[in-house]
């Protein structure tokens, strides 16, 4: 059975004390209100990671992740953070390939494949993001874009390695714009993900892969999205900065 996950991406928000306060609220609410088997994952800026891991001890339904890691193990890369460093904080997950990294930092599929390899080699579970822009969707290229990102980003992995990967569908046109893919649109793409995984590996691998929806998911639309057969949770941006909103999304799986 594939895991149900709601991951919060704080992006470049919250100073150290603000992050600690928000995480404490979320952790206590998870403890009190989550009755299902779902997992909440908080992906914070690097400054919070070790402290959040310490706060998360004893909470089996909440985990911590980073938002990025370098493709090389170590070296003269001033300002960068390695996967080994992330792992040493106790973090379990790392977001790779987010649309903002692709757009603002020029990360392509080849680079992200290397980052994925390095993350896995250091015991991190990648949350690997894939999705199309508005222009690509309007040109009806979205299936080709998604297929290419899967093939070049993660399909080089062995079956055992791929089992550690969580996929996240990011319709770039629905992030921070107030637009949201309809539940039917999201399901169509998630089903396509699973079909491509089955073609590259096998149906069992496809059935066991967790695929999250990452396009402006909020407490108002989460239930309809998560009710779709191939949507296993969400990668949450703005709503993850408000403890009540985030928990209301996590509670959908209760």
Protein backbone atom coordinates (compact mmCIF):
# COMPACT_ATOMS: atom_id res chain seq x y z
CA UNK A 1 0.00 0.00 0.00
CA UNK A 2 1.42 3.39 -0.96
CA UNK A 3 1.96 6.00 1.72
CA UNK A 4 -0.32 9.03 2.04
CA UNK A 5 1.78 12.16 2.54
CA UNK A 6 1.08 15.85 2.96
CA UNK A 7 4.34 17.78 2.65
CA UNK A 8 4.68 21.45 3.55
CA UNK A 9 7.20 23.54 1.61
CA UNK A 10 8.02 26.67 3.61
CA UNK A 11 10.18 28.03 0.75
CA UNK A 12 12.26 31.09 1.78
CA UNK A 13 10.00 32.10 4.65
CA UNK A 14 10.20 32.25 8.45
CA UNK A 15 13.22 33.17 10.55
CA UNK A 16 14.54 30.64 13.05
CA UNK A 17 12.17 31.48 15.89
CA UNK A 18 9.13 31.78 13.62
CA UNK A 19 9.87 28.36 12.15
CA UNK A 20 10.26 26.76 15.55
CA UNK A 21 6.98 28.23 16.74
CA UNK A 22 5.05 27.12 13.66
CA UNK A 23 6.48 23.61 13.76
CA UNK A 24 5.60 23.26 17.46
CA UNK A 25 2.00 24.20 16.66
CA UNK A 26 1.85 21.75 13.77
CA UNK A 27 3.43 18.90 15.74
CA UNK A 28 1.00 19.28 18.64
CA UNK A 29 -1.97 19.45 16.29
CA UNK A 30 -0.78 16.35 14.43
CA UNK A 31 -0.52 14.50 17.72
CA UNK A 32 -4.00 15.55 18.82
CA UNK A 33 -5.93 15.42 15.56
CA UNK A 34 -4.44 12.90 13.11
CA UNK A 35 -6.09 9.52 13.40
CA UNK A 36 -5.16 7.96 10.06
CA UNK A 37 -1.91 6.49 8.79
CA UNK A 38 -0.92 9.56 6.78
CA UNK A 39 2.38 11.36 7.33
CA UNK A 40 3.03 15.09 7.50
CA UNK A 41 6.42 16.24 6.21
CA UNK A 42 7.77 19.73 6.81
CA UNK A 43 10.40 20.89 4.32
CA UNK A 44 12.04 23.92 5.87
CA UNK A 45 14.99 26.22 5.12
CA UNK A 46 18.33 24.74 6.17
CA UNK A 47 18.57 26.85 9.33
CA UNK A 48 15.68 24.98 10.93
CA UNK A 49 16.45 21.38 10.02
CA UNK A 50 18.31 20.02 13.04
CA UNK A 51 16.09 21.80 15.55
CA UNK A 52 12.92 20.59 13.84
CA UNK A 53 14.21 17.02 13.85
CA UNK A 54 14.73 17.30 17.59
CA UNK A 55 11.21 18.66 18.08
CA UNK A 56 9.78 15.87 15.91
CA UNK A 57 11.16 13.09 18.09
CA UNK A 58 8.32 11.07 19.53
CA UNK A 59 5.91 12.16 16.78
CA UNK A 60 5.72 9.21 14.41
CA UNK A 61 3.39 11.00 11.98
CA UNK A 62 5.60 13.99 11.26
CA UNK A 63 8.92 14.08 9.43
CA UNK A 64 11.37 16.74 8.31
CA UNK A 65 12.87 17.46 4.90
CA UNK A 66 15.11 19.98 3.14
CA UNK A 67 14.18 22.00 0.07
CA UNK A 68 17.32 21.30 -1.96
CA UNK A 69 20.75 19.64 -1.88
CA UNK A 70 23.82 19.84 -4.12
CA UNK A 71 24.60 17.19 -6.71
CA UNK A 72 28.19 16.69 -5.51
CA UNK A 73 29.21 15.05 -2.27
CA UNK A 74 31.47 17.94 -1.17
CA UNK A 75 33.85 20.54 -2.54
CA UNK A 76 34.45 24.20 -3.27
CA UNK A 77 30.81 25.22 -3.73
CA UNK A 78 30.46 28.23 -1.47
CA UNK A 79 26.97 28.67 -0.12
CA UNK A 80 25.74 25.21 -1.10
CA UNK A 81 24.56 22.36 1.15
CA UNK A 82 25.38 18.71 0.48
CA UNK A 83 23.06 15.74 0.87
CA UNK A 84 25.38 14.40 3.56
CA UNK A 85 24.97 17.62 5.51
CA UNK A 86 21.19 17.42 5.20
CA UNK A 87 21.19 13.80 6.32
CA UNK A 88 23.41 14.62 9.31
CA UNK A 89 20.66 16.86 10.71
CA UNK A 90 18.33 13.87 10.89
CA UNK A 91 16.15 15.05 8.00
CA UNK A 92 14.48 12.25 6.05
CA UNK A 93 13.31 13.93 2.83
CA UNK A 94 14.58 16.46 0.30
CA UNK A 95 12.63 18.32 -2.39
CA UNK A 96 14.32 18.12 -5.79
CA UNK A 97 13.33 19.67 -9.10
CA UNK A 98 10.85 22.18 -7.74
CA UNK A 99 9.61 24.46 -10.52
CA UNK A 100 11.23 27.44 -8.83
CA UNK A 101 14.62 25.70 -8.88
CA UNK A 102 14.11 24.82 -12.53
CA UNK A 103 13.00 28.36 -13.45
CA UNK A 104 15.20 30.61 -11.32
CA UNK A 105 18.34 28.48 -11.00
CA UNK A 106 18.35 26.74 -14.38
CA UNK A 107 18.20 23.20 -13.01
CA UNK A 108 17.60 20.77 -15.86
CA UNK A 109 16.73 17.08 -15.94
CA UNK A 110 20.35 15.95 -16.19
CA UNK A 111 21.40 17.94 -13.13
CA UNK A 112 18.37 16.73 -11.20
CA UNK A 113 19.19 13.12 -12.05
CA UNK A 114 22.60 13.67 -10.42
CA UNK A 115 21.01 15.32 -7.40
CA UNK A 116 18.65 12.37 -7.06
CA UNK A 117 21.52 9.90 -7.16
CA UNK A 118 23.45 11.82 -4.51
CA UNK A 119 20.42 12.20 -2.26
CA UNK A 120 19.66 8.48 -2.41
CA UNK A 121 23.31 7.58 -1.82
CA UNK A 122 23.11 9.57 1.41
CA UNK A 123 19.90 7.98 2.64
CA UNK A 124 17.50 10.80 1.77
CA UNK A 125 14.10 10.27 0.17
CA UNK A 126 13.63 12.66 -2.76
CA UNK A 127 10.33 14.41 -3.31
CA UNK A 128 10.88 14.80 -7.04
CA UNK A 129 8.81 17.53 -8.71
CA UNK A 130 7.56 17.38 -12.29
CA UNK A 131 5.18 19.60 -14.20
CA UNK A 132 4.39 21.80 -17.17
CA UNK A 133 4.11 25.55 -17.69
CA UNK A 134 0.98 27.30 -18.92
CA UNK A 135 2.52 27.69 -22.38
CA UNK A 136 3.33 23.99 -22.57
CA UNK A 137 -0.18 23.01 -21.50
CA UNK A 138 -1.84 25.38 -23.94
CA UNK A 139 0.36 23.94 -26.69
CA UNK A 140 -0.81 20.46 -25.60
CA UNK A 141 2.78 19.46 -24.84
CA UNK A 142 2.17 18.61 -21.20
CA UNK A 143 2.23 14.84 -21.58
CA UNK A 144 5.49 14.99 -23.53
CA UNK A 145 7.06 17.35 -20.97
CA UNK A 146 6.09 15.12 -18.07
CA UNK A 147 7.28 11.98 -19.82
CA UNK A 148 10.65 13.55 -20.57
CA UNK A 149 11.10 14.80 -17.02
CA UNK A 150 10.36 11.32 -15.69
CA UNK A 151 12.63 9.58 -18.16
CA UNK A 152 15.58 11.92 -17.75
CA UNK A 153 15.16 12.67 -14.06
CA UNK A 154 14.33 9.39 -12.30
CA UNK A 155 13.80 6.48 -14.68
CA UNK A 156 17.52 5.66 -14.67
CA UNK A 157 17.09 4.44 -11.09
CA UNK A 158 16.92 0.77 -10.15
CA UNK A 159 13.62 -0.58 -8.87
CA UNK A 160 15.00 -0.52 -5.32
CA UNK A 161 16.16 3.09 -5.64
CA UNK A 162 12.94 4.25 -7.26
CA UNK A 163 10.97 2.80 -4.36
CA UNK A 164 12.51 5.53 -2.16
CA UNK A 165 11.25 8.34 -4.40
CA UNK A 166 8.06 10.34 -3.88
CA UNK A 167 6.81 12.12 -7.01
CA UNK A 168 5.02 15.46 -6.98
CA UNK A 169 3.01 16.81 -9.90
CA UNK A 170 3.42 20.58 -10.15
CA UNK A 171 1.26 22.26 -12.75
CA UNK A 172 3.48 25.35 -12.85
CA UNK A 173 0.57 27.44 -14.07
CA UNK A 174 -1.29 26.72 -10.83
CA UNK A 175 1.44 27.63 -8.32
CA UNK A 176 1.06 30.96 -6.56
CA UNK A 177 -1.41 32.12 -9.20
CA UNK A 178 -4.63 31.29 -7.43
CA UNK A 179 -5.45 28.91 -10.25
CA UNK A 180 -5.87 25.24 -9.51
CA UNK A 181 -6.09 22.27 -11.79
CA UNK A 182 -9.50 20.68 -11.52
CA UNK A 183 -9.63 17.37 -9.71
CA UNK A 184 -10.23 15.71 -13.07
CA UNK A 185 -7.22 17.42 -14.66
CA UNK A 186 -5.00 16.47 -11.75
CA UNK A 187 -6.21 12.87 -11.76
CA UNK A 188 -5.59 12.58 -15.50
CA UNK A 189 -1.95 13.57 -15.05
CA UNK A 190 -1.41 11.43 -11.95
CA UNK A 191 -2.81 8.43 -13.82
CA UNK A 192 -0.40 9.22 -16.66
CA UNK A 193 2.49 9.26 -14.17
CA UNK A 194 1.46 5.82 -12.94
CA UNK A 195 1.10 4.48 -16.48
CA UNK A 196 4.61 5.68 -17.37
CA UNK A 197 6.03 4.13 -14.20
CA UNK A 198 4.39 0.81 -15.06
CA UNK A 199 5.83 0.97 -18.58
CA UNK A 200 9.33 1.68 -17.28
CA UNK A 201 9.29 -0.67 -14.27
CA UNK A 202 6.16 -2.74 -13.72
CA UNK A 203 2.61 -2.39 -12.43
CA UNK A 204 3.50 -3.30 -8.86
CA UNK A 205 6.07 -0.50 -8.70
CA UNK A 206 3.54 1.90 -10.19
CA UNK A 207 0.87 0.90 -7.71
CA UNK A 208 3.26 1.46 -4.78
CA UNK A 209 4.58 4.88 -5.83
CA UNK A 210 3.32 7.86 -3.84
CA UNK A 211 2.38 10.76 -6.13
CA UNK A 212 1.52 14.13 -4.60
CA UNK A 213 -0.38 17.04 -6.10
CA UNK A 214 1.56 20.31 -5.87
CA UNK A 215 -0.58 23.03 -7.39
CA UNK A 216 -2.27 25.46 -4.97
CA UNK A 217 -3.80 22.80 -2.75
CA UNK A 218 -5.71 24.29 0.18
CA UNK A 219 -8.30 23.30 2.81
CA UNK A 220 -11.13 24.07 0.39
CA UNK A 221 -10.07 21.77 -2.46
CA UNK A 222 -7.96 19.12 -0.71
CA UNK A 223 -10.78 16.65 -0.09
CA UNK A 224 -11.87 16.61 -3.74
CA UNK A 225 -8.27 16.29 -4.97
CA UNK A 226 -7.29 13.58 -2.49
CA UNK A 227 -10.41 11.57 -3.32
CA UNK A 228 -8.99 10.88 -6.78
CA UNK A 229 -7.69 7.35 -7.31
CA UNK A 230 -4.10 8.29 -8.12
CA UNK A 231 -3.54 11.32 -5.87
CA UNK A 232 -1.81 10.32 -2.65
CA UNK A 233 -1.49 13.69 -0.95
CA UNK A 234 -0.09 17.12 -1.58
CA UNK A 235 3.00 19.29 -1.69
CA UNK A 236 1.70 22.41 0.01
CA UNK A 237 3.17 25.89 -0.33
CA UNK A 238 1.38 28.92 1.13
CA UNK A 239 -1.10 26.92 3.21
CA UNK A 240 1.78 25.18 5.02
CA UNK A 241 2.70 28.51 6.66
CA UNK A 242 -0.58 28.49 8.61
CA UNK A 243 -0.84 25.66 11.11
CA UNK A 244 -4.64 25.39 10.98
CA UNK A 245 -4.78 25.37 7.19
CA UNK A 246 -2.01 22.81 6.94
CA UNK A 247 -3.59 20.50 9.52
CA UNK A 248 -6.99 20.74 7.87
CA UNK A 249 -5.35 19.43 4.67
CA UNK A 250 -3.56 16.63 6.53
CA UNK A 251 -6.83 15.67 8.27
CA UNK A 252 -8.50 14.90 4.95
CA UNK A 253 -6.95 11.42 5.23
CA UNK A 254 -8.33 10.74 8.75
